[in-house]
């Protein structure tokens, strides 16, 4: 196997007559952000589902490092080291920021309940959760209820929840969605620093963020990858410009 942290090999998925993904292969290497872009309906959600484990491919294989995870459940993949944030927020809004992140740590440690010890004094949960919040510059909001946060802060919490699982690879599904320029710029800066600790497969529509962050970009159109390359190569690729970026300068 290569030194890839995450590897997709010839993934195919049909829904009746619709081929949602067609022979998709790509990888994620240590220390990089690999962006996956494409127009609405390109098959990105189906591909994400095949990586995360909630959609089983008809053909093809998914590897995390040298371990095949194609047949593993979502929970098994998380325990193996695949972290994920979601396009639609999955945070428990009445709970504090800290409690939300601690739930991720609990899942990793395979403890559903800790009746014998108050969770807000459990160092096995507190320390990794606090570390993840510090990494996302949110430790000062640790005991704030999620519903009091700005949209940008919620996005940071979602990434912190994924980081608390100590992932080997991080799958981020449109983390910039709904953010204004200031929020997007802040999250971009945080992710840029984070990639040296954990490589990131980034699904994103914010092309300014993509071109700033991505070491490599794959373009998905109608279920197929039509181009791979760095930002400059993708900007100049005529197939990408026609299918996604448009005719104007990107």
Foldseek 3Di string as FASTA:
>chain_A
DDQFQKWWAQFWADDVVATLAGGDTDTFHALFEEEEEEDPSLNPVVVVCQQQAVDQTPDTWMDRRPRTCRPPHNLVVLLVFEFEFDPDHPFDQQFFLLVRLLVLLCSNVVHPDDVPDPPVPDCSSRVLLLVLCVLLVRNVRRRPGNNPDDLLVSLSSRVSSRVSSVHQAYEYAASCPPPDPVSLVSVLVSVQVCRNRHYYYYYHDPVVSCLVGGQKYWYGGSNYTPDIDHSVCLQPDPVNCVRPVDDDRD
